Each structure stands twice: as C-alpha cells, then as structure tokens.
C-alpha atoms as a PDB file:
ATOM      1  CA  MET A   1      18.190 -61.039  24.722  1.00  0.00           C
ATOM      2  CA  SER A   2      14.747 -60.216  23.393  1.00  0.00           C
ATOM      3  CA  SER A   3      14.277 -61.753  19.958  1.00  0.00           C
ATOM      4  CA  ILE A   4      11.767 -59.864  17.803  1.00  0.00           C
ATOM      5  CA  SER A   5       9.309 -61.276  15.317  1.00  0.00           C
ATOM      6  CA  ILE A   6       9.280 -59.147  12.173  1.00  0.00           C
ATOM      7  CA  PRO A   7       6.163 -58.903   9.983  1.00  0.00           C
ATOM      8  CA  LYS A   8       6.414 -60.483   6.557  1.00  0.00           C
ATOM      9  CA  TRP A   9       7.988 -58.275   3.917  1.00  0.00           C
ATOM     10  CA  GLN A  10       5.765 -57.031   1.097  1.00  0.00           C
ATOM     11  CA  ASP A  11       6.752 -55.260  -2.121  1.00  0.00           C
ATOM     12  CA  THR A  12       4.365 -52.422  -1.232  1.00  0.00           C
ATOM     13  CA  ASP A  13       6.597 -51.592   1.764  1.00  0.00           C
ATOM     14  CA  ASP A  14       9.092 -50.152  -0.741  1.00  0.00           C
ATOM     15  CA  THR A  15       6.651 -47.770  -2.444  1.00  0.00           C
ATOM     16  CA  LEU A  16       5.606 -44.184  -1.685  1.00  0.00           C
ATOM     17  CA  HIS A  17       4.241 -43.172   1.740  1.00  0.00           C
ATOM     18  CA  LEU A  18       2.854 -39.765   0.758  1.00  0.00           C
ATOM     19  CA  TYR A  19       1.983 -36.988   3.229  1.00  0.00           C
ATOM     20  CA  ASP A  20       0.561 -33.619   2.296  1.00  0.00           C
ATOM     21  CA  ASN A  21       2.684 -31.280   4.399  1.00  0.00           C
ATOM     22  CA  PRO A  22       5.891 -29.304   3.792  1.00  0.00           C
ATOM     23  CA  GLU A  23       7.952 -31.441   6.207  1.00  0.00           C
ATOM     24  CA  TYR A  24       7.232 -34.676   4.338  1.00  0.00           C
ATOM     25  CA  TYR A  25      10.311 -36.390   2.885  1.00  0.00           C
ATOM     26  CA  GLU A  26      11.078 -39.753   1.287  1.00  0.00           C
ATOM     27  CA  TRP A  27      14.040 -41.463  -0.328  1.00  0.00           C
ATOM     28  CA  TRP A  28      15.356 -44.777  -1.731  1.00  0.00           C
ATOM     29  CA  TYR A  29      18.990 -45.485  -0.773  1.00  0.00           C
ATOM     30  CA  PHE A  30      21.474 -47.895  -2.389  1.00  0.00           C
ATOM     31  CA  ASP A  31      25.113 -48.530  -1.558  1.00  0.00           C
ATOM     32  CA  ALA A  32      27.743 -51.045  -2.683  1.00  0.00           C
ATOM     33  CA  ARG A  33      31.361 -52.067  -2.144  1.00  0.00           C
ATOM     34  CA  PHE A  34      33.039 -53.545  -5.184  1.00  0.00           C
ATOM     35  CA  ASP A  35      35.723 -56.182  -5.645  1.00  0.00           C
ATOM     36  CA  ASN A  36      38.016 -53.697  -7.454  1.00  0.00           C
ATOM     37  CA  GLY A  37      38.154 -51.348  -4.424  1.00  0.00           C
ATOM     38  CA  TYR A  38      35.541 -48.836  -5.601  1.00  0.00           C
ATOM     39  CA  SER A  39      32.379 -48.124  -3.610  1.00  0.00           C
ATOM     40  CA  CYS A  40      29.296 -46.026  -4.231  1.00  0.00           C
ATOM     41  CA  VAL A  41      26.106 -44.586  -2.755  1.00  0.00           C
ATOM     42  CA  ALA A  42      23.086 -43.591  -4.861  1.00  0.00           C
ATOM     43  CA  THR A  43      19.940 -41.965  -3.440  1.00  0.00           C
ATOM     44  CA  PHE A  44      16.639 -41.140  -5.116  1.00  0.00           C
ATOM     45  CA  HIS A  45      15.078 -38.348  -3.030  1.00  0.00           C
ATOM     46  CA  TRP A  46      11.372 -38.067  -3.833  1.00  0.00           C
ATOM     47  CA  ARG A  47      11.560 -35.169  -1.376  1.00  0.00           C
ATOM     48  CA  ASN A  48      14.993 -34.301   0.006  1.00  0.00           C
ATOM     49  CA  PRO A  49      14.846 -33.479   3.757  1.00  0.00           C
ATOM     50  CA  PHE A  50      18.179 -31.654   3.573  1.00  0.00           C
ATOM     51  CA  THR A  51      16.927 -29.018   1.123  1.00  0.00           C
ATOM     52  CA  PHE A  52      14.468 -26.239   1.836  1.00  0.00           C
ATOM     53  CA  PRO A  53      11.883 -26.598   0.533  1.00  0.00           C
ATOM     54  CA  HIS A  54      12.037 -30.403   0.231  1.00  0.00           C
ATOM     55  CA  ILE A  55      12.436 -30.969  -3.511  1.00  0.00           C
ATOM     56  CA  PRO A  56      13.076 -34.054  -5.691  1.00  0.00           C
ATOM     57  CA  THR A  57      16.794 -34.762  -6.187  1.00  0.00           C
ATOM     58  CA  VAL A  58      19.100 -37.589  -7.197  1.00  0.00           C
ATOM     59  CA  GLN A  59      22.548 -37.914  -5.673  1.00  0.00           C
ATOM     60  CA  VAL A  60      25.461 -40.247  -6.421  1.00  0.00           C
ATOM     61  CA  PHE A  61      28.772 -40.663  -4.581  1.00  0.00           C
ATOM     62  CA  ILE A  62      31.600 -42.721  -6.094  1.00  0.00           C
ATOM     63  CA  TYR A  63      34.724 -43.491  -4.051  1.00  0.00           C
ATOM     64  CA  THR A  64      37.907 -44.719  -5.738  1.00  0.00           C
ATOM     65  CA  PRO A  65      40.517 -47.128  -4.330  1.00  0.00           C
ATOM     66  CA  ASP A  66      43.076 -44.307  -4.092  1.00  0.00           C
ATOM     67  CA  GLY A  67      40.853 -42.169  -1.846  1.00  0.00           C
ATOM     68  CA  LYS A  68      39.260 -39.814  -4.367  1.00  0.00           C
ATOM     69  CA  LYS A  69      35.553 -39.099  -4.351  1.00  0.00           C
ATOM     70  CA  HIS A  70      33.195 -37.952  -7.076  1.00  0.00           C
ATOM     71  CA  ILE A  71      29.805 -36.443  -6.228  1.00  0.00           C
ATOM     72  CA  GLY A  72      26.928 -35.679  -8.526  1.00  0.00           C
ATOM     73  CA  MET A  73      23.612 -34.157  -7.461  1.00  0.00           C
ATOM     74  CA  ALA A  74      20.726 -32.941  -9.602  1.00  0.00           C
ATOM     75  CA  ALA A  75      17.350 -31.380  -8.839  1.00  0.00           C
ATOM     76  CA  ILE A  76      14.482 -33.044 -10.726  1.00  0.00           C
ATOM     77  CA  ASP A  77      11.241 -31.420 -11.885  1.00  0.00           C
ATOM     78  CA  ILE A  78       8.380 -33.062  -9.995  1.00  0.00           C
ATOM     79  CA  LYS A  79       6.494 -33.293 -13.309  1.00  0.00           C
ATOM     80  CA  GLY A  80       9.139 -35.803 -14.427  1.00  0.00           C
ATOM     81  CA  CYS A  81       8.707 -38.051 -11.352  1.00  0.00           C
ATOM     82  CA  SER A  82       6.510 -41.129 -11.136  1.00  0.00           C
ATOM     83  CA  SER A  83       6.177 -44.126  -8.825  1.00  0.00           C
ATOM     84  CA  SER A  84       4.255 -47.379  -8.811  1.00  0.00           C
ATOM     85  CA  SER A  85       1.949 -48.112  -5.870  1.00  0.00           C
ATOM     86  CA  GLU A  86       2.602 -51.876  -6.098  1.00  0.00           C
ATOM     87  CA  LYS A  87       6.392 -52.181  -5.928  1.00  0.00           C
ATOM     88  CA  CYS A  88       9.591 -50.150  -6.155  1.00  0.00           C
ATOM     89  CA  ASP A  89       9.328 -48.695  -9.646  1.00  0.00           C
ATOM     90  CA  VAL A  90      10.433 -45.068  -9.584  1.00  0.00           C
ATOM     91  CA  ARG A  91      11.396 -42.681 -12.355  1.00  0.00           C
ATOM     92  CA  MET A  92      12.907 -39.265 -11.697  1.00  0.00           C
ATOM     93  CA  GLY A  93      13.660 -37.573 -14.983  1.00  0.00           C
ATOM     94  CA  ALA A  94      15.944 -39.953 -16.898  1.00  0.00           C
ATOM     95  CA  ASN A  95      16.927 -41.723 -13.652  1.00  0.00           C
ATOM     96  CA  TYR A  96      15.111 -44.795 -12.411  1.00  0.00           C
ATOM     97  CA  VAL A  97      15.026 -47.731 -10.015  1.00  0.00           C
ATOM     98  CA  ARG A  98      12.901 -50.737 -10.932  1.00  0.00           C
ATOM     99  CA  GLN A  99      12.208 -53.903  -8.966  1.00  0.00           C
ATOM    100  CA  GLU A 100      11.782 -57.152 -10.875  1.00  0.00           C
ATOM    101  CA  GLY A 101      11.151 -59.949  -8.367  1.00  0.00           C
ATOM    102  CA  ASN A 102      14.289 -60.151  -6.228  1.00  0.00           C
ATOM    103  CA  THR A 103      16.209 -57.845  -8.547  1.00  0.00           C
ATOM    104  CA  TYR A 104      16.570 -54.049  -8.399  1.00  0.00           C
ATOM    105  CA  ILE A 105      17.845 -52.250 -11.489  1.00  0.00           C
ATOM    106  CA  ILE A 106      19.069 -48.687 -10.972  1.00  0.00           C
ATOM    107  CA  SER A 107      20.292 -46.085 -13.428  1.00  0.00           C
ATOM    108  CA  MET A 108      21.396 -42.627 -12.342  1.00  0.00           C
ATOM    109  CA  ARG A 109      23.357 -39.731 -13.830  1.00  0.00           C
ATOM    110  CA  ALA A 110      24.213 -36.485 -12.072  1.00  0.00           C
ATOM    111  CA  LYS A 111      26.735 -34.058 -13.560  1.00  0.00           C
ATOM    112  CA  LYS A 112      29.604 -36.187 -14.926  1.00  0.00           C
ATOM    113  CA  PHE A 113      28.990 -39.197 -12.701  1.00  0.00           C
ATOM    114  CA  GLY A 114      26.568 -42.093 -12.558  1.00  0.00           C
ATOM    115  CA  VAL A 115      25.803 -45.761 -12.064  1.00  0.00           C
ATOM    116  CA  ASP A 116      24.008 -48.536 -13.938  1.00  0.00           C
ATOM    117  CA  LEU A 117      23.722 -51.403 -11.479  1.00  0.00           C
ATOM    118  CA  THR A 118      21.703 -54.565 -10.904  1.00  0.00           C
ATOM    119  CA  TYR A 119      21.108 -55.665  -7.311  1.00  0.00           C
ATOM    120  CA  SER A 120      20.195 -59.348  -6.881  1.00  0.00           C
ATOM    121  CA  ARG A 121      18.641 -59.669  -3.425  1.00  0.00           C
ATOM    122  CA  GLU A 122      20.080 -62.523  -1.351  1.00  0.00           C
ATOM    123  CA  VAL A 123      18.400 -61.802   2.015  1.00  0.00           C
ATOM    124  CA  GLN A 124      14.667 -61.047   2.114  1.00  0.00           C
ATOM    125  CA  GLY A 125      13.556 -57.526   3.067  1.00  0.00           C
ATOM    126  CA  TRP A 126      12.442 -56.737   6.624  1.00  0.00           C
ATOM    127  CA  LYS A 127      10.749 -53.956   8.563  1.00  0.00           C
ATOM    128  CA  GLN A 128      10.471 -52.954  12.223  1.00  0.00           C
ATOM    129  CA  ASN A 129       6.758 -53.647  12.659  1.00  0.00           C
ATOM    130  CA  VAL A 130       3.477 -53.699  10.762  1.00  0.00           C
ATOM    131  CA  THR A 131       3.640 -49.982   9.931  1.00  0.00           C
ATOM    132  CA  GLY A 132       7.381 -49.800   9.221  1.00  0.00           C
ATOM    133  CA  TYR A 133       7.697 -46.829  11.608  1.00  0.00           C
ATOM    134  CA  LEU A 134      10.778 -46.698  13.778  1.00  0.00           C
ATOM    135  CA  TYR A 135       9.371 -43.534  15.401  1.00  0.00           C
ATOM    136  CA  ASP A 136       5.665 -42.927  15.993  1.00  0.00           C
ATOM    137  CA  ASP A 137       4.828 -40.126  18.404  1.00  0.00           C
ATOM    138  CA  GLY A 138       1.249 -39.366  17.466  1.00  0.00           C
ATOM    139  CA  PRO A 139       1.430 -36.707  14.761  1.00  0.00           C
ATOM    140  CA  LYS A 140       5.165 -37.222  14.094  1.00  0.00           C
ATOM    141  CA  LYS A 141       6.185 -40.354  12.225  1.00  0.00           C
ATOM    142  CA  GLN A 142       9.481 -41.648  10.818  1.00  0.00           C
ATOM    143  CA  GLY A 143       9.606 -44.790   8.675  1.00  0.00           C
ATOM    144  CA  TRP A 144      12.473 -47.066   7.712  1.00  0.00           C
ATOM    145  CA  VAL A 145      12.345 -50.409   5.915  1.00  0.00           C
ATOM    146  CA  ILE A 146      15.301 -52.442   4.690  1.00  0.00           C
ATOM    147  CA  ALA A 147      14.203 -53.733   1.311  1.00  0.00           C
ATOM    148  CA  ALA A 148      17.416 -55.614   0.453  1.00  0.00           C
ATOM    149  CA  PRO A 149      19.709 -56.286   3.443  1.00  0.00           C
ATOM    150  CA  ARG A 150      22.204 -58.019   1.168  1.00  0.00           C
ATOM    151  CA  SER A 151      22.527 -58.251  -2.596  1.00  0.00           C
ATOM    152  CA  GLY A 152      25.014 -59.295  -5.191  1.00  0.00           C
ATOM    153  CA  VAL A 153      25.710 -56.254  -7.368  1.00  0.00           C
ATOM    154  CA  LYS A 154      27.063 -55.960 -10.895  1.00  0.00           C
ATOM    155  CA  GLY A 155      27.102 -53.287 -13.553  1.00  0.00           C
ATOM    156  CA  THR A 156      28.977 -50.129 -14.453  1.00  0.00           C
ATOM    157  CA  ILE A 157      29.999 -46.936 -12.698  1.00  0.00           C
ATOM    158  CA  HIS A 158      30.631 -43.801 -14.757  1.00  0.00           C
ATOM    159  CA  ILE A 159      33.290 -41.217 -13.897  1.00  0.00           C
ATOM    160  CA  ASP A 160      33.665 -38.247 -16.256  1.00  0.00           C
ATOM    161  CA  GLY A 161      33.424 -40.247 -19.476  1.00  0.00           C
ATOM    162  CA  THR A 162      35.100 -43.405 -18.172  1.00  0.00           C
ATOM    163  CA  ASP A 163      32.996 -46.562 -17.732  1.00  0.00           C
ATOM    164  CA  ILE A 164      34.213 -49.003 -15.087  1.00  0.00           C
ATOM    165  CA  PRO A 165      32.680 -52.507 -14.852  1.00  0.00           C
ATOM    166  CA  VAL A 166      32.089 -53.619 -11.254  1.00  0.00           C
ATOM    167  CA  THR A 167      30.899 -56.560  -9.174  1.00  0.00           C
ATOM    168  CA  GLY A 168      30.405 -56.679  -5.433  1.00  0.00           C
ATOM    169  CA  ARG A 169      27.859 -56.601  -2.612  1.00  0.00           C
ATOM    170  CA  GLY A 170      25.209 -54.031  -1.841  1.00  0.00           C
ATOM    171  CA  TYR A 171      22.370 -52.843   0.341  1.00  0.00           C
ATOM    172  CA  HIS A 172      19.070 -51.004  -0.206  1.00  0.00           C
ATOM    173  CA  ASP A 173      16.759 -49.313   2.281  1.00  0.00           C
ATOM    174  CA  LYS A 174      13.938 -46.789   2.295  1.00  0.00           C
ATOM    175  CA  ASN A 175      13.226 -43.789   4.576  1.00  0.00           C
ATOM    176  CA  TRP A 176      10.255 -41.471   4.870  1.00  0.00           C
ATOM    177  CA  GLY A 177       8.553 -39.211   7.401  1.00  0.00           C
ATOM    178  CA  ASN A 178       5.900 -36.554   7.888  1.00  0.00           C
ATOM    179  CA  ALA A 179       8.112 -34.476  10.220  1.00  0.00           C
ATOM    180  CA  ASN A 180      11.645 -33.139  10.056  1.00  0.00           C
ATOM    181  CA  ILE A 181      14.181 -35.784  11.102  1.00  0.00           C
ATOM    182  CA  ASP A 182      15.891 -33.437  13.554  1.00  0.00           C
ATOM    183  CA  ASP A 183      12.571 -32.874  15.366  1.00  0.00           C
ATOM    184  CA  CYS A 184      12.504 -36.610  16.198  1.00  0.00           C
ATOM    185  CA  PHE A 185      16.173 -37.605  16.626  1.00  0.00           C
ATOM    186  CA  SER A 186      19.268 -35.805  17.880  1.00  0.00           C
ATOM    187  CA  GLY A 187      21.476 -38.093  15.816  1.00  0.00           C
ATOM    188  CA  TRP A 188      22.305 -41.705  15.008  1.00  0.00           C
ATOM    189  CA  TYR A 189      24.832 -44.392  14.260  1.00  0.00           C
ATOM    190  CA  TRP A 190      24.029 -46.885  11.502  1.00  0.00           C
ATOM    191  CA  GLY A 191      26.016 -49.575   9.747  1.00  0.00           C
ATOM    192  CA  ARG A 192      25.885 -52.650   7.572  1.00  0.00           C
ATOM    193  CA  LEU A 193      28.589 -55.303   7.573  1.00  0.00           C
ATOM    194  CA  TYR A 194      29.296 -58.185   5.187  1.00  0.00           C
ATOM    195  CA  SER A 195      31.449 -61.275   5.198  1.00  0.00           C
ATOM    196  CA  ASP A 196      31.132 -64.239   2.832  1.00  0.00           C
ATOM    197  CA  ASP A 197      28.585 -65.911   5.132  1.00  0.00           C
ATOM    198  CA  TYR A 198      27.179 -63.209   7.413  1.00  0.00           C
ATOM    199  CA  THR A 199      25.280 -59.936   7.148  1.00  0.00           C
ATOM    200  CA  LEU A 200      24.932 -57.638  10.160  1.00  0.00           C
ATOM    201  CA  ILE A 201      22.932 -54.391  10.211  1.00  0.00           C
ATOM    202  CA  TYR A 202      22.494 -52.122  13.220  1.00  0.00           C
ATOM    203  CA  TYR A 203      21.134 -48.711  14.113  1.00  0.00           C
ATOM    204  CA  TRP A 204      21.350 -46.685  17.314  1.00  0.00           C
ATOM    205  CA  LEU A 205      19.079 -43.619  17.277  1.00  0.00           C
ATOM    206  CA  PHE A 206      19.353 -40.884  19.906  1.00  0.00           C
ATOM    207  CA  PRO A 207      16.123 -39.143  20.995  1.00  0.00           C
ATOM    208  CA  VAL A 208      15.721 -35.370  21.067  1.00  0.00           C
ATOM    209  CA  ASP A 209      14.808 -35.630  24.761  1.00  0.00           C
ATOM    210  CA  ASN A 210      17.741 -37.229  26.584  1.00  0.00           C
ATOM    211  CA  GLY A 211      15.304 -38.685  29.092  1.00  0.00           C
ATOM    212  CA  ASN A 212      13.799 -40.969  26.459  1.00  0.00           C
ATOM    213  CA  PRO A 213      15.358 -44.326  25.562  1.00  0.00           C
ATOM    214  CA  VAL A 214      17.605 -44.922  22.578  1.00  0.00           C
ATOM    215  CA  ILE A 215      15.819 -46.583  19.632  1.00  0.00           C
ATOM    216  CA  SER A 216      17.863 -49.539  18.402  1.00  0.00           C
ATOM    217  CA  ARG A 217      17.703 -52.673  16.310  1.00  0.00           C
ATOM    218  CA  LEU A 218      20.244 -55.276  15.188  1.00  0.00           C
ATOM    219  CA  PHE A 219      19.833 -57.809  12.380  1.00  0.00           C
ATOM    220  CA  LEU A 220      22.159 -60.780  11.811  1.00  0.00           C
ATOM    221  CA  ALA A 221      21.721 -63.200   8.909  1.00  0.00           C
ATOM    222  CA  LYS A 222      23.692 -66.288   7.928  1.00  0.00           C
ATOM    223  CA  ARG A 223      23.774 -66.668   4.161  1.00  0.00           C
ATOM    224  CA  ASN A 224      20.157 -65.990   3.116  1.00  0.00           C
ATOM    225  CA  ALA A 225      18.361 -66.462   6.463  1.00  0.00           C
ATOM    226  CA  PRO A 226      18.098 -64.223   9.561  1.00  0.00           C
ATOM    227  CA  VAL A 227      19.483 -65.862  12.724  1.00  0.00           C
ATOM    228  CA  LEU A 228      19.041 -62.979  15.158  1.00  0.00           C
ATOM    229  CA  ILE A 229      16.909 -59.820  15.257  1.00  0.00           C
ATOM    230  CA  THR A 230      16.906 -57.841  18.499  1.00  0.00           C
ATOM    231  CA  ASN A 231      16.594 -54.381  20.017  1.00  0.00           C
ATOM    232  CA  ASP A 232      18.406 -55.417  23.206  1.00  0.00           C
ATOM    233  CA  TYR A 233      22.150 -55.150  22.640  1.00  0.00           C
ATOM    234  CA  THR A 234      25.124 -53.060  23.742  1.00  0.00           C
ATOM    235  CA  PHE A 235      26.718 -50.305  21.676  1.00  0.00           C
ATOM    236  CA  ALA A 236      29.940 -48.448  22.463  1.00  0.00           C
ATOM    237  CA  VAL A 237      32.354 -46.142  20.674  1.00  0.00           C
ATOM    238  CA  GLU A 238      35.598 -47.528  22.082  1.00  0.00           C
ATOM    239  CA  LYS A 239      37.926 -45.178  20.194  1.00  0.00           C
ATOM    240  CA  SER A 240      37.311 -41.769  18.651  1.00  0.00           C
ATOM    241  CA  VAL A 241      39.321 -38.924  17.160  1.00  0.00           C
ATOM    242  CA  ALA A 242      38.558 -35.292  16.432  1.00  0.00           C
ATOM    243  CA  CYS A 243      37.348 -34.800  12.863  1.00  0.00           C
ATOM    244  CA  GLU A 244      39.893 -32.681  10.999  1.00  0.00           C
ATOM    245  CA  THR A 245      37.110 -30.730   9.266  1.00  0.00           C
ATOM    246  CA  THR A 246      34.442 -30.266  11.937  1.00  0.00           C
ATOM    247  CA  GLY A 247      36.366 -30.758  15.178  1.00  0.00           C
ATOM    248  CA  LYS A 248      33.695 -33.183  16.413  1.00  0.00           C
ATOM    249  CA  ASP A 249      34.621 -36.604  17.794  1.00  0.00           C
ATOM    250  CA  ILE A 250      34.062 -39.372  15.251  1.00  0.00           C
ATOM    251  CA  PRO A 251      34.175 -43.150  15.780  1.00  0.00           C
ATOM    252  CA  MET A 252      37.295 -45.113  14.878  1.00  0.00           C
ATOM    253  CA  LYS A 253      36.292 -48.270  16.748  1.00  0.00           C
ATOM    254  CA  ILE A 254      32.734 -49.377  17.482  1.00  0.00           C
ATOM    255  CA  ALA A 255      31.686 -52.472  19.428  1.00  0.00           C
ATOM    256  CA  VAL A 256      28.203 -53.988  19.502  1.00  0.00           C
ATOM    257  CA  GLY A 257      27.359 -57.102  21.465  1.00  0.00           C
ATOM    258  CA  SER A 258      25.038 -59.133  23.620  1.00  0.00           C
ATOM    259  CA  ARG A 259      24.537 -58.513  27.309  1.00  0.00           C
ATOM    260  CA  GLU A 260      26.179 -60.720  29.915  1.00  0.00           C
ATOM    261  CA  GLU A 261      22.962 -62.533  30.805  1.00  0.00           C
ATOM    262  CA  ASP A 262      21.961 -63.336  27.224  1.00  0.00           C
ATOM    263  CA  ALA A 263      21.905 -66.938  26.031  1.00  0.00           C
ATOM    264  CA  ALA A 264      22.781 -65.963  22.464  1.00  0.00           C
ATOM    265  CA  ARG A 265      26.217 -64.377  22.721  1.00  0.00           C
ATOM    266  CA  PHE A 266      27.950 -62.227  20.148  1.00  0.00           C
ATOM    267  CA  LYS A 267      30.457 -59.406  19.844  1.00  0.00           C
ATOM    268  CA  CYS A 268      31.252 -57.411  16.750  1.00  0.00           C
ATOM    269  CA  GLU A 269      34.098 -54.882  16.578  1.00  0.00           C
ATOM    270  CA  MET A 270      34.362 -52.452  13.688  1.00  0.00           C
ATOM    271  CA  ILE A 271      37.483 -50.446  12.842  1.00  0.00           C
ATOM    272  CA  THR A 272      37.153 -47.342  10.645  1.00  0.00           C
ATOM    273  CA  THR A 273      39.615 -47.488   7.744  1.00  0.00           C
ATOM    274  CA  ASN A 274      38.465 -44.517   5.626  1.00  0.00           C
ATOM    275  CA  VAL A 275      36.484 -41.368   6.368  1.00  0.00           C
ATOM    276  CA  LEU A 276      34.604 -40.822   3.114  1.00  0.00           C
ATOM    277  CA  GLU A 277      32.443 -37.831   4.041  1.00  0.00           C
ATOM    278  CA  ARG A 278      32.861 -35.019   6.567  1.00  0.00           C
ATOM    279  CA  ASP A 279      29.880 -32.786   5.903  1.00  0.00           C
ATOM    280  CA  ARG A 280      28.233 -29.858   7.592  1.00  0.00           C
ATOM    281  CA  LEU A 281      24.607 -30.297   6.559  1.00  0.00           C
ATOM    282  CA  PRO A 282      22.769 -27.462   4.769  1.00  0.00           C
ATOM    283  CA  ASN A 283      21.843 -24.611   7.089  1.00  0.00           C
ATOM    284  CA  LYS A 284      18.137 -25.390   7.573  1.00  0.00           C
ATOM    285  CA  SER A 285      18.384 -25.442  11.378  1.00  0.00           C
ATOM    286  CA  THR A 286      19.464 -22.981  14.052  1.00  0.00           C
ATOM    287  CA  GLN A 287      21.994 -25.606  15.164  1.00  0.00           C
ATOM    288  CA  ASP A 288      25.017 -26.941  13.295  1.00  0.00           C
ATOM    289  CA  GLN A 289      24.339 -30.388  11.898  1.00  0.00           C
ATOM    290  CA  PHE A 290      26.882 -32.912  10.626  1.00  0.00           C
ATOM    291  CA  HIS A 291      27.137 -36.144   8.647  1.00  0.00           C
ATOM    292  CA  TRP A 292      30.009 -38.598   8.326  1.00  0.00           C
ATOM    293  CA  ARG A 293      30.326 -41.720   6.160  1.00  0.00           C
ATOM    294  CA  PHE A 294      32.991 -44.372   6.778  1.00  0.00           C
ATOM    295  CA  LEU A 295      34.433 -47.564   5.367  1.00  0.00           C
ATOM    296  CA  GLY A 296      35.640 -50.159   7.835  1.00  0.00           C
ATOM    297  CA  ASP A 297      36.719 -53.693   8.656  1.00  0.00           C
ATOM    298  CA  PHE A 298      34.975 -55.842  11.245  1.00  0.00           C
ATOM    299  CA  THR A 299      35.443 -59.003  13.284  1.00  0.00           C
ATOM    300  CA  LEU A 300      32.538 -61.097  14.555  1.00  0.00           C
ATOM    301  CA  GLU A 301      32.469 -63.675  17.331  1.00  0.00           C
ATOM    302  CA  ALA A 302      29.179 -65.329  18.231  1.00  0.00           C
ATOM    303  CA  LYS A 303      27.596 -68.448  19.655  1.00  0.00           C
ATOM    304  CA  ILE A 304      24.116 -68.977  18.307  1.00  0.00           C
ATOM    305  CA  ASP A 305      22.158 -72.225  18.744  1.00  0.00           C
ATOM    306  CA  GLY A 306      25.286 -73.826  20.118  1.00  0.00           C
ATOM    307  CA  THR A 307      27.407 -72.985  17.072  1.00  0.00           C
ATOM    308  CA  LEU A 308      30.562 -70.909  17.484  1.00  0.00           C
ATOM    309  CA  ILE A 309      31.062 -68.237  14.815  1.00  0.00           C
ATOM    310  CA  LYS A 310      34.291 -66.362  14.064  1.00  0.00           C
ATOM    311  CA  ASP A 311      34.348 -64.229  10.956  1.00  0.00           C
ATOM    312  CA  ASN A 312      35.484 -60.921   9.486  1.00  0.00           C
ATOM    313  CA  GLY A 313      34.565 -58.663   6.602  1.00  0.00           C
ATOM    314  CA  LYS A 314      33.862 -55.169   5.310  1.00  0.00           C
ATOM    315  CA  ALA A 315      31.515 -52.410   6.475  1.00  0.00           C
ATOM    316  CA  ILE A 316      29.955 -49.098   5.527  1.00  0.00           C
ATOM    317  CA  HIS A 317      28.771 -47.048   8.489  1.00  0.00           C
ATOM    318  CA  GLU A 318      27.520 -43.545   9.182  1.00  0.00           C
ATOM    319  CA  TYR A 319      27.164 -41.029  11.982  1.00  0.00           C
ATOM    320  CA  LEU A 320      24.737 -38.087  11.973  1.00  0.00           C
ATOM    321  CA  LEU A 321      24.652 -35.354  14.576  1.00  0.00           C
ATOM    322  CA  PHE A 322      21.659 -33.014  14.542  1.00  0.00           C
ATOM    323  CA  ARG A 323      21.988 -31.472  18.012  1.00  0.00           C
END
C-alpha cells in the first residue's frame, strides 16, 4: 500500500478560493449524527453549483429518528455575504460559520428549520496536496479539503418552532472549483465513518473519460491521530437495489480494503440502514443527474503496526451520478 504524506493543515485552506468565471462554485459543508437519533447536514454555498446561475444559498437538512426529513433552503443576496481571508469566518445574511481555534460555531436558518451547533475538532484537518486540488487538468480545477475529519458536536436543532438540544459527532469539509463538477467527474462515492476510537473517510471519484483512472483517497485515524492515508485501496459495491424513486442501482453494502500484497491490512464493510435522499438534481445538464444520501452501520477489521483492530460504528455516505 502506498502511504501518502499530507502537507500540514493551515487555517487559510478553509477560506475562499475565488475565481472570476460563471462556472466557479464554493461551499462549506457540515454534517452530524446525534446521540438522540437525529442527524443533520448544513451547507453554506458561496456559489451553489446546482443552481443556474451559481448563486449564494444556505441549505439545511434535518433527519428525525422516525424517518422524517425537514429541508430548508434560502437564496442569499451577495451583498450580505462576507468571508475572512485568514480562517473560516463566513457570514451569509443572518447565517454564519466562525472558526475559533479548533472550534467551529455555525448558525443557520432556512424556512422553518435551522441549527445552532458548536463543532470541537478532535482530528486535525488535512488536504490532498499543497494546492488542495483533487483534480487539476490545466484550466479545470476542483478542490477539496477536510477541515475537521472528526468533531464533538453540541447545540440545538430547530424544527418548526421546536428547539431540540443535541450532542454527537460531526464532520466538516470544503469544496470549490473553477469548472462545473460534471465536466470533471461522472460521479462519486464518498463516506465518513465513526466509532468510539476510529475515524475513516474515503472517496472514489469516477472520471468523465472511462479510460482515465479513478481518483481515490482513504483516511484512517485512531483517536486524534492519523494511522493510515492512502490512495491505493479496493472499493466494491457488494450489494445494490433499484432506487424506488429513480430506478437507478444504489449501494446497500460497500466494502473497502487493502490489497492482498499490502503489509498494512484492513477491511471495512458498510451496510446502508436508511436512504435519506433520493434526488434528481436540477436540470442544468442535458443528462439526468442524481444524488443519494445514506445512513449506515460499519464493521472494521485491520492490522496496523502489528496491532489487530476490530471495531464497529456509524456512517454517513453519499453517491452522485452525473453521467
């Protein structure tokens, strides 16, 4: 297995990466699973790539233990948006995310729903390389940095006048690009998995040209320290079903693992327990495009530095299909 050295994280990696063209997009993403069975996703879109033109929006998803979902989205006047150039400190109308050391404080309201949450980072941020680009094909660039791979989260979620106190675990990353995402990728799988001791994050990005290699990376941390970062691992959808809304095959069991010849051995199996989102993306392309979001359970078996690991936990994972 090829272990990868990751450049040191800097607060400026989580600030704006502005481009002056109509395809430019950028967002800050936060998700969390809570001890009371609720979960949420909140995204600050400086420019939303799924609208045309790309405009500022905020979007919050809240999922209840009994399977209900609440979605709020609001367009924001660009005149009401500001961002620091030194760290993550973003205001979009009355909504904001602010970094204070290893803490991120977010507040968002959209329609009748919202969140006020504090993320306390437990695993240091990381990026793919010096630039943070996971795709760099000359004029077309796509960036992704994971500012907070794992955080303790506490605060309040708001559902139509009801305030619900929550505690749990969460994740924060950042995406940007100067070209449309579907011009660079045909789709992807992505997930983040937590147990009490371990954090595992993976992505598996499919190129537009099938002759080009998949772009992948896997990150495994024990408590607050990375133990494995690699782009050389196996990925397989071992069980799928037809989506009841779109008719497309969606993953019900995913396995990622080391290759037979690798010294560091691991296998992680993830079982989908809930399909949270089954979306046909806005019609900005000549092709149908789809997005799914899932909750899941996972098991992990690994042997790293001679130590045998067996663990299990919870996951959020996603599947996008652009082509």
